[in-house]
PDB file of N, CA and C in Angstrom:
ATOM      1  N   UNK A   1      32.721 -26.694  99.620  1.00  0.00           N
ATOM      2  CA  UNK A   1      32.456 -26.172 100.939  1.00  0.00           C
ATOM      3  C   UNK A   1      32.828 -24.492 101.042  1.00  0.00           C
ATOM      4  N   UNK A   2      32.162 -23.788 101.540  1.00  0.00           N
ATOM      5  CA  UNK A   2      32.531 -22.299 101.690  1.00  0.00           C
ATOM      6  C   UNK A   2      32.237 -21.582 100.560  1.00  0.00           C
ATOM      7  N   UNK A   3      31.207 -21.951  99.677  1.00  0.00           N
ATOM      8  CA  UNK A   3      30.950 -21.121  98.616  1.00  0.00           C
ATOM      9  C   UNK A   3      29.671 -20.148  98.981  1.00  0.00           C
ATOM     10  N   UNK A   4      28.964 -20.464  99.881  1.00  0.00           N
ATOM     11  CA  UNK A   4      27.852 -19.269 100.450  1.00  0.00           C
ATOM     12  C   UNK A   4      28.624 -18.122 101.081  1.00  0.00           C
ATOM     13  N   UNK A   5      28.196 -16.882 100.814  1.00  0.00           N
ATOM     14  CA  UNK A   5      28.873 -15.768 101.318  1.00  0.00           C
ATOM     15  C   UNK A   5      28.310 -15.414 102.488  1.00  0.00           C
ATOM     16  N   UNK A   6      28.331 -16.410 103.482  1.00  0.00           N
ATOM     17  CA  UNK A   6      28.080 -16.298 104.980  1.00  0.00           C
ATOM     18  C   UNK A   6      29.141 -15.633 105.708  1.00  0.00           C
ATOM     19  N   UNK A   7      28.858 -15.039 106.753  1.00  0.00           N
ATOM     20  CA  UNK A   7      29.761 -14.365 107.726  1.00  0.00           C
ATOM     21  C   UNK A   7      30.956 -15.148 107.971  1.00  0.00           C
ATOM     22  N   UNK A   8      30.601 -16.516 108.284  1.00  0.00           N
ATOM     23  CA  UNK A   8      31.726 -17.364 108.657  1.00  0.00           C
ATOM     24  C   UNK A   8      32.882 -17.465 107.364  1.00  0.00           C
ATOM     25  N   UNK A   9      32.295 -17.528 106.137  1.00  0.00           N
ATOM     26  CA  UNK A   9      33.089 -17.738 105.115  1.00  0.00           C
ATOM     27  C   UNK A   9      33.932 -16.416 104.633  1.00  0.00           C
ATOM     28  N   UNK A  10      33.123 -15.304 104.974  1.00  0.00           N
ATOM     29  CA  UNK A  10      33.779 -13.953 104.593  1.00  0.00           C
ATOM     30  C   UNK A  10      34.861 -13.885 105.791  1.00  0.00           C
ATOM     31  N   UNK A  11      34.690 -14.076 106.803  1.00  0.00           N
ATOM     32  CA  UNK A  11      35.811 -13.707 107.884  1.00  0.00           C
ATOM     33  C   UNK A  11      37.020 -14.673 107.690  1.00  0.00           C
ATOM     34  N   UNK A  12      36.802 -15.872 106.972  1.00  0.00           N
ATOM     35  CA  UNK A  12      38.189 -16.339 106.407  1.00  0.00           C
ATOM     36  C   UNK A  12      39.054 -15.513 105.588  1.00  0.00           C
ATOM     37  N   UNK A  13      38.553 -14.621 104.922  1.00  0.00           N
ATOM     38  CA  UNK A  13      39.419 -13.802 103.905  1.00  0.00           C
ATOM     39  C   UNK A  13      39.521 -12.479 104.455  1.00  0.00           C
ATOM     40  N   UNK A  14      38.610 -11.854 105.475  1.00  0.00           N
ATOM     41  CA  UNK A  14      38.711 -10.368 105.978  1.00  0.00           C
ATOM     42  C   UNK A  14      38.774 -10.625 107.414  1.00  0.00           C
ATOM     43  N   UNK A  15      40.049 -10.088 107.775  1.00  0.00           N
ATOM     44  CA  UNK A  15      40.343 -10.183 109.295  1.00  0.00           C
ATOM     45  C   UNK A  15      39.627  -9.288 110.148  1.00  0.00           C
ATOM     46  N   UNK A  16      39.184  -9.430 111.285  1.00  0.00           N
ATOM     47  CA  UNK A  16      38.222  -8.656 112.215  1.00  0.00           C
ATOM     48  C   UNK A  16      36.989  -8.371 111.626  1.00  0.00           C
ATOM     49  N   UNK A  17      36.354  -9.293 110.661  1.00  0.00           N
ATOM     50  CA  UNK A  17      34.975  -9.210 110.141  1.00  0.00           C
ATOM     51  C   UNK A  17      34.047  -9.711 111.227  1.00  0.00           C
ATOM     52  N   UNK A  18      33.081  -9.027 111.662  1.00  0.00           N
ATOM     53  CA  UNK A  18      32.265  -9.428 112.589  1.00  0.00           C
ATOM     54  C   UNK A  18      31.374 -10.631 112.236  1.00  0.00           C
ATOM     55  N   UNK A  19      31.120 -11.719 112.875  1.00  0.00           N
ATOM     56  CA  UNK A  19      30.440 -13.090 112.431  1.00  0.00           C
ATOM     57  C   UNK A  19      29.144 -13.056 113.157  1.00  0.00           C
ATOM     58  N   UNK A  20      28.636 -12.153 113.783  1.00  0.00           N
ATOM     59  CA  UNK A  20      27.327 -12.220 114.604  1.00  0.00           C
ATOM     60  C   UNK A  20      26.260 -11.954 113.485  1.00  0.00           C
ATOM     61  N   UNK A  21      25.251 -12.668 113.682  1.00  0.00           N
ATOM     62  CA  UNK A  21      24.159 -12.652 112.814  1.00  0.00           C
ATOM     63  C   UNK A  21      23.319 -11.408 112.967  1.00  0.00           C
ATOM     64  N   UNK A  22      23.075 -10.828 111.868  1.00  0.00           N
ATOM     65  CA  UNK A  22      22.347  -9.443 111.847  1.00  0.00           C
ATOM     66  C   UNK A  22      20.871  -9.718 112.115  1.00  0.00           C
ATOM     67  N   UNK A  23      20.405 -10.761 112.276  1.00  0.00           N
ATOM     68  CA  UNK A  23      18.973 -11.197 112.570  1.00  0.00           C
ATOM     69  C   UNK A  23      18.805 -11.495 114.060  1.00  0.00           C
ATOM     70  N   UNK A  24      19.601 -12.363 114.578  1.00  0.00           N
ATOM     71  CA  UNK A  24      19.361 -12.888 116.008  1.00  0.00           C
ATOM     72  C   UNK A  24      20.622 -12.613 116.894  1.00  0.00           C
ATOM     73  N   UNK A  25      21.527 -12.013 116.337  1.00  0.00           N
ATOM     74  CA  UNK A  25      22.713 -11.576 117.056  1.00  0.00           C
ATOM     75  C   UNK A  25      23.774 -12.661 117.624  1.00  0.00           C
ATOM     76  N   UNK A  26      23.282 -13.764 117.467  1.00  0.00           N
ATOM     77  CA  UNK A  26      24.174 -14.954 117.685  1.00  0.00           C
ATOM     78  C   UNK A  26      25.427 -15.033 116.773  1.00  0.00           C
ATOM     79  N   UNK A  27      26.507 -15.535 117.305  1.00  0.00           N
ATOM     80  CA  UNK A  27      27.688 -15.767 116.614  1.00  0.00           C
ATOM     81  C   UNK A  27      27.367 -16.869 115.442  1.00  0.00           C
ATOM     82  N   UNK A  28      27.577 -16.591 114.433  1.00  0.00           N
ATOM     83  CA  UNK A  28      27.328 -17.626 113.298  1.00  0.00           C
ATOM     84  C   UNK A  28      28.725 -18.546 113.415  1.00  0.00           C
ATOM     85  N   UNK A  29      28.419 -19.704 113.807  1.00  0.00           N
ATOM     86  CA  UNK A  29      29.648 -20.640 113.777  1.00  0.00           C
ATOM     87  C   UNK A  29      29.535 -21.593 112.785  1.00  0.00           C
ATOM     88  N   UNK A  30      28.707 -21.650 111.848  1.00  0.00           N
ATOM     89  CA  UNK A  30      28.501 -22.501 110.836  1.00  0.00           C
ATOM     90  C   UNK A  30      27.917 -22.139 109.565  1.00  0.00           C
ATOM     91  N   UNK A  31      27.849 -22.726 108.398  1.00  0.00           N
ATOM     92  CA  UNK A  31      27.161 -22.366 107.293  1.00  0.00           C
ATOM     93  C   UNK A  31      25.763 -22.613 107.478  1.00  0.00           C
ATOM     94  N   UNK A  32      25.434 -23.471 108.264  1.00  0.00           N
ATOM     95  CA  UNK A  32      23.961 -23.831 108.305  1.00  0.00           C
ATOM     96  C   UNK A  32      23.217 -22.790 109.250  1.00  0.00           C
ATOM     97  N   UNK A  33      23.764 -21.922 109.991  1.00  0.00           N
ATOM     98  CA  UNK A  33      23.042 -20.907 110.823  1.00  0.00           C
ATOM     99  C   UNK A  33      21.947 -20.071 110.040  1.00  0.00           C
ATOM    100  N   UNK A  34      22.395 -19.462 108.823  1.00  0.00           N
ATOM    101  CA  UNK A  34      21.531 -18.577 108.315  1.00  0.00           C
ATOM    102  C   UNK A  34      20.370 -19.562 107.511  1.00  0.00           C
ATOM    103  N   UNK A  35      20.766 -20.698 107.104  1.00  0.00           N
ATOM    104  CA  UNK A  35      19.793 -21.440 106.261  1.00  0.00           C
ATOM    105  C   UNK A  35      18.877 -22.407 107.319  1.00  0.00           C
ATOM    106  N   UNK A  36      19.390 -22.777 108.277  1.00  0.00           N
ATOM    107  CA  UNK A  36      18.315 -23.634 109.275  1.00  0.00           C
ATOM    108  C   UNK A  36      18.392 -23.441 110.783  1.00  0.00           C
ATOM    109  N   UNK A  37      19.302 -22.704 111.259  1.00  0.00           N
ATOM    110  CA  UNK A  37      19.406 -22.544 112.645  1.00  0.00           C
ATOM    111  C   UNK A  37      18.879 -21.046 113.226  1.00  0.00           C
ATOM    112  N   UNK A  38      19.059 -20.095 112.490  1.00  0.00           N
ATOM    113  CA  UNK A  38      18.620 -18.773 112.785  1.00  0.00           C
ATOM    114  C   UNK A  38      17.109 -18.845 113.230  1.00  0.00           C
ATOM    115  N   UNK A  39      16.630 -18.080 114.271  1.00  0.00           N
ATOM    116  CA  UNK A  39      15.142 -18.125 114.477  1.00  0.00           C
ATOM    117  C   UNK A  39      14.382 -17.654 113.422  1.00  0.00           C
ATOM    118  N   UNK A  40      14.923 -16.687 112.619  1.00  0.00           N
ATOM    119  CA  UNK A  40      14.171 -16.385 111.501  1.00  0.00           C
ATOM    120  C   UNK A  40      13.890 -17.510 110.409  1.00  0.00           C
ATOM    121  N   UNK A  41      15.103 -18.346 110.169  1.00  0.00           N
ATOM    122  CA  UNK A  41      15.248 -19.405 109.329  1.00  0.00           C
ATOM    123  C   UNK A  41      14.070 -20.357 109.897  1.00  0.00           C
ATOM    124  N   UNK A  42      14.191 -20.697 111.090  1.00  0.00           N
ATOM    125  CA  UNK A  42      13.260 -21.778 111.764  1.00  0.00           C
ATOM    126  C   UNK A  42      11.854 -21.306 111.599  1.00  0.00           C
ATOM    127  N   UNK A  43      11.694 -20.205 111.678  1.00  0.00           N
ATOM    128  CA  UNK A  43      10.225 -19.486 111.287  1.00  0.00           C
ATOM    129  C   UNK A  43       9.709 -19.899 109.814  1.00  0.00           C
ATOM    130  N   UNK A  44      10.602 -19.600 109.074  1.00  0.00           N
ATOM    131  CA  UNK A  44      10.291 -19.923 107.496  1.00  0.00           C
ATOM    132  C   UNK A  44      10.160 -21.153 107.349  1.00  0.00           C
ATOM    133  N   UNK A  45      10.972 -22.097 107.977  1.00  0.00           N
ATOM    134  CA  UNK A  45      10.718 -23.604 107.686  1.00  0.00           C
ATOM    135  C   UNK A  45       9.489 -24.042 108.376  1.00  0.00           C
ATOM    136  N   UNK A  46       9.123 -23.558 109.460  1.00  0.00           N
ATOM    137  CA  UNK A  46       7.824 -23.914 110.063  1.00  0.00           C
ATOM    138  C   UNK A  46       6.593 -23.589 109.289  1.00  0.00           C
ATOM    139  N   UNK A  47       6.692 -22.428 108.494  1.00  0.00           N
ATOM    140  CA  UNK A  47       5.851 -21.909 107.584  1.00  0.00           C
ATOM    141  C   UNK A  47       5.763 -22.693 106.281  1.00  0.00           C
ATOM    142  N   UNK A  48       6.839 -23.473 106.125  1.00  0.00           N
ATOM    143  CA  UNK A  48       6.899 -24.154 104.707  1.00  0.00           C
ATOM    144  C   UNK A  48       6.213 -25.365 104.882  1.00  0.00           C
ATOM    145  N   UNK A  49       5.921 -26.337 103.655  1.00  0.00           N
ATOM    146  CA  UNK A  49       5.213 -27.486 103.877  1.00  0.00           C
ATOM    147  C   UNK A  49       6.214 -28.729 104.131  1.00  0.00           C
ATOM    148  N   UNK A  50       7.469 -28.294 104.438  1.00  0.00           N
ATOM    149  CA  UNK A  50       8.339 -29.555 104.610  1.00  0.00           C
ATOM    150  C   UNK A  50       8.372 -30.006 106.155  1.00  0.00           C
ATOM    151  N   UNK A  51       8.306 -31.262 106.283  1.00  0.00           N
ATOM    152  CA  UNK A  51       8.526 -31.952 107.660  1.00  0.00           C
ATOM    153  C   UNK A  51       9.499 -31.346 108.302  1.00  0.00           C
ATOM    154  N   UNK A  52       9.597 -31.256 109.797  1.00  0.00           N
ATOM    155  CA  UNK A  52      10.531 -30.768 110.505  1.00  0.00           C
ATOM    156  C   UNK A  52      11.653 -31.788 110.283  1.00  0.00           C
ATOM    157  N   UNK A  53      11.593 -32.837 110.219  1.00  0.00           N
ATOM    158  CA  UNK A  53      12.717 -33.996 110.277  1.00  0.00           C
ATOM    159  C   UNK A  53      13.685 -33.625 109.079  1.00  0.00           C
ATOM    160  N   UNK A  54      13.303 -32.786 108.038  1.00  0.00           N
ATOM    161  CA  UNK A  54      13.930 -32.528 106.770  1.00  0.00           C
ATOM    162  C   UNK A  54      15.043 -31.511 106.981  1.00  0.00           C
ATOM    163  N   UNK A  55      14.483 -30.565 107.686  1.00  0.00           N
ATOM    164  CA  UNK A  55      15.262 -29.338 107.945  1.00  0.00           C
ATOM    165  C   UNK A  55      15.842 -29.186 109.381  1.00  0.00           C
ATOM    166  N   UNK A  56      15.235 -29.774 110.369  1.00  0.00           N
ATOM    167  CA  UNK A  56      15.874 -30.004 111.727  1.00  0.00           C
ATOM    168  C   UNK A  56      16.639 -31.287 112.031  1.00  0.00           C
ATOM    169  N   UNK A  57      17.547 -31.748 111.170  1.00  0.00           N
ATOM    170  CA  UNK A  57      18.106 -32.907 111.339  1.00  0.00           C
ATOM    171  C   UNK A  57      19.449 -32.877 112.196  1.00  0.00           C
ATOM    172  N   UNK A  58      19.568 -31.994 113.121  1.00  0.00           N
ATOM    173  CA  UNK A  58      20.740 -31.793 113.735  1.00  0.00           C
ATOM    174  C   UNK A  58      22.016 -31.030 113.091  1.00  0.00           C
ATOM    175  N   UNK A  59      23.032 -31.054 113.869  1.00  0.00           N
ATOM    176  CA  UNK A  59      24.286 -30.133 113.418  1.00  0.00           C
ATOM    177  C   UNK A  59      24.912 -30.860 112.357  1.00  0.00           C
ATOM    178  N   UNK A  60      24.270 -30.803 111.003  1.00  0.00           N
ATOM    179  CA  UNK A  60      24.983 -31.367 109.731  1.00  0.00           C
ATOM    180  C   UNK A  60      25.194 -30.218 108.810  1.00  0.00           C
ATOM    181  N   UNK A  61      26.156 -30.598 107.983  1.00  0.00           N
ATOM    182  CA  UNK A  61      26.423 -29.669 107.066  1.00  0.00           C
ATOM    183  C   UNK A  61      25.417 -29.304 105.982  1.00  0.00           C
ATOM    184  N   UNK A  62      25.358 -28.236 105.203  1.00  0.00           N
ATOM    185  CA  UNK A  62      24.452 -27.849 104.478  1.00  0.00           C
ATOM    186  C   UNK A  62      24.153 -28.988 103.357  1.00  0.00           C
ATOM    187  N   UNK A  63      25.281 -29.593 102.949  1.00  0.00           N
ATOM    188  CA  UNK A  63      25.023 -30.685 101.765  1.00  0.00           C
ATOM    189  C   UNK A  63      24.485 -32.101 102.303  1.00  0.00           C
ATOM    190  N   UNK A  64      24.666 -32.196 103.756  1.00  0.00           N
ATOM    191  CA  UNK A  64      23.853 -33.304 104.203  1.00  0.00           C
ATOM    192  C   UNK A  64      22.463 -33.126 104.418  1.00  0.00           C
ATOM    193  N   UNK A  65      22.138 -31.795 104.665  1.00  0.00           N
ATOM    194  CA  UNK A  65      20.383 -31.565 104.627  1.00  0.00           C
ATOM    195  C   UNK A  65      20.007 -31.683 103.230  1.00  0.00           C
ATOM    196  N   UNK A  66      20.919 -31.435 102.408  1.00  0.00           N
ATOM    197  CA  UNK A  66      20.451 -31.579 100.857  1.00  0.00           C
ATOM    198  C   UNK A  66      20.250 -32.932 100.495  1.00  0.00           C
ATOM    199  N   UNK A  67      21.205 -33.851 101.070  1.00  0.00           N
ATOM    200  CA  UNK A  67      21.083 -35.258 100.710  1.00  0.00           C
ATOM    201  C   UNK A  67      19.910 -35.897 101.324  1.00  0.00           C
ATOM    202  N   UNK A  68      19.561 -35.463 102.496  1.00  0.00           N
ATOM    203  CA  UNK A  68      18.557 -36.140 103.282  1.00  0.00           C
ATOM    204  C   UNK A  68      17.106 -35.748 102.408  1.00  0.00           C
ATOM    205  N   UNK A  69      17.045 -34.578 102.026  1.00  0.00           N
ATOM    206  CA  UNK A  69      15.913 -33.955 101.211  1.00  0.00           C
ATOM    207  C   UNK A  69      15.929 -34.816  99.712  1.00  0.00           C
ATOM    208  N   UNK A  70      17.070 -34.909  99.124  1.00  0.00           N
ATOM    209  CA  UNK A  70      17.187 -35.606  98.129  1.00  0.00           C
ATOM    210  C   UNK A  70      16.601 -37.191  98.106  1.00  0.00           C
ATOM    211  N   UNK A  71      16.748 -37.708  99.260  1.00  0.00           N
ATOM    212  CA  UNK A  71      16.360 -39.133  99.388  1.00  0.00           C
ATOM    213  C   UNK A  71      15.047 -39.117  99.741  1.00  0.00           C
ATOM    214  N   UNK A  72      14.300 -38.010 100.214  1.00  0.00           N
ATOM    215  CA  UNK A  72      13.095 -38.294 100.685  1.00  0.00           C
ATOM    216  C   UNK A  72      11.911 -37.413  99.770  1.00  0.00           C
ATOM    217  N   UNK A  73      12.542 -36.693  99.120  1.00  0.00           N
ATOM    218  CA  UNK A  73      11.430 -35.934  98.218  1.00  0.00           C
ATOM    219  C   UNK A  73      11.539 -35.934  96.689  1.00  0.00           C
ATOM    220  N   UNK A  74      10.685 -35.907  95.905  1.00  0.00           N
ATOM    221  CA  UNK A  74      10.576 -35.974  94.604  1.00  0.00           C
ATOM    222  C   UNK A  74      11.326 -34.658  94.179  1.00  0.00           C
ATOM    223  N   UNK A  75      11.758 -34.811  92.845  1.00  0.00           N
ATOM    224  CA  UNK A  75      12.500 -33.938  92.110  1.00  0.00           C
ATOM    225  C   UNK A  75      11.932 -32.465  92.223  1.00  0.00           C
ATOM    226  N   UNK A  76      10.736 -32.175  92.034  1.00  0.00           N
ATOM    227  CA  UNK A  76      10.148 -30.832  92.298  1.00  0.00           C
ATOM    228  C   UNK A  76      10.213 -30.326  93.620  1.00  0.00           C
ATOM    229  N   UNK A  77       9.936 -31.399  94.618  1.00  0.00           N
ATOM    230  CA  UNK A  77       9.908 -30.921  95.989  1.00  0.00           C
ATOM    231  C   UNK A  77      11.260 -30.677  96.455  1.00  0.00           C
ATOM    232  N   UNK A  78      12.414 -31.241  95.950  1.00  0.00           N
ATOM    233  CA  UNK A  78      13.722 -31.047  96.170  1.00  0.00           C
ATOM    234  C   UNK A  78      14.256 -29.527  95.761  1.00  0.00           C
ATOM    235  N   UNK A  79      13.519 -29.082  94.630  1.00  0.00           N
ATOM    236  CA  UNK A  79      13.748 -27.664  93.951  1.00  0.00           C
ATOM    237  C   UNK A  79      13.054 -26.714  94.920  1.00  0.00           C
ATOM    238  N   UNK A  80      11.879 -26.937  95.523  1.00  0.00           N
ATOM    239  CA  UNK A  80      11.228 -26.188  96.431  1.00  0.00           C
ATOM    240  C   UNK A  80      12.002 -25.954  97.688  1.00  0.00           C
ATOM    241  N   UNK A  81      12.582 -27.233  98.302  1.00  0.00           N
ATOM    242  CA  UNK A  81      13.426 -27.369  99.397  1.00  0.00           C
ATOM    243  C   UNK A  81      14.440 -26.266  99.251  1.00  0.00           C
ATOM    244  N   UNK A  82      15.113 -26.315  98.096  1.00  0.00           N
ATOM    245  CA  UNK A  82      16.347 -25.462  97.937  1.00  0.00           C
ATOM    246  C   UNK A  82      15.847 -23.976  97.799  1.00  0.00           C
ATOM    247  N   UNK A  83      14.757 -23.746  97.204  1.00  0.00           N
ATOM    248  CA  UNK A  83      14.334 -22.463  97.225  1.00  0.00           C
ATOM    249  C   UNK A  83      13.954 -21.882  98.355  1.00  0.00           C
ATOM    250  N   UNK A  84      13.394 -22.567  99.364  1.00  0.00           N
ATOM    251  CA  UNK A  84      13.267 -22.125 100.735  1.00  0.00           C
ATOM    252  C   UNK A  84      14.747 -21.863 101.387  1.00  0.00           C
ATOM    253  N   UNK A  85      15.603 -22.856 101.176  1.00  0.00           N
ATOM    254  CA  UNK A  85      16.900 -22.471 101.717  1.00  0.00           C
ATOM    255  C   UNK A  85      17.436 -21.214 101.455  1.00  0.00           C
TER     256      UNK A  85
END
């Protein structure tokens, strides 16, 4: 956990680091914001071929989104899911 260079994770090591999303201005309060919750991310997912139930599964950690995808998709589709992330 904490491996992605999100503003939340950077702020853990740099004091006074701004955690607002550069795209939507909302406070990034989780690792999932830039991947699943930001309005731009939602727009990208809606244009993808993945069912909404895979990427809009509630306030889960990124690894939980991956687990849901791995249980629902074949190997190639999981790779494509990760590429969209």
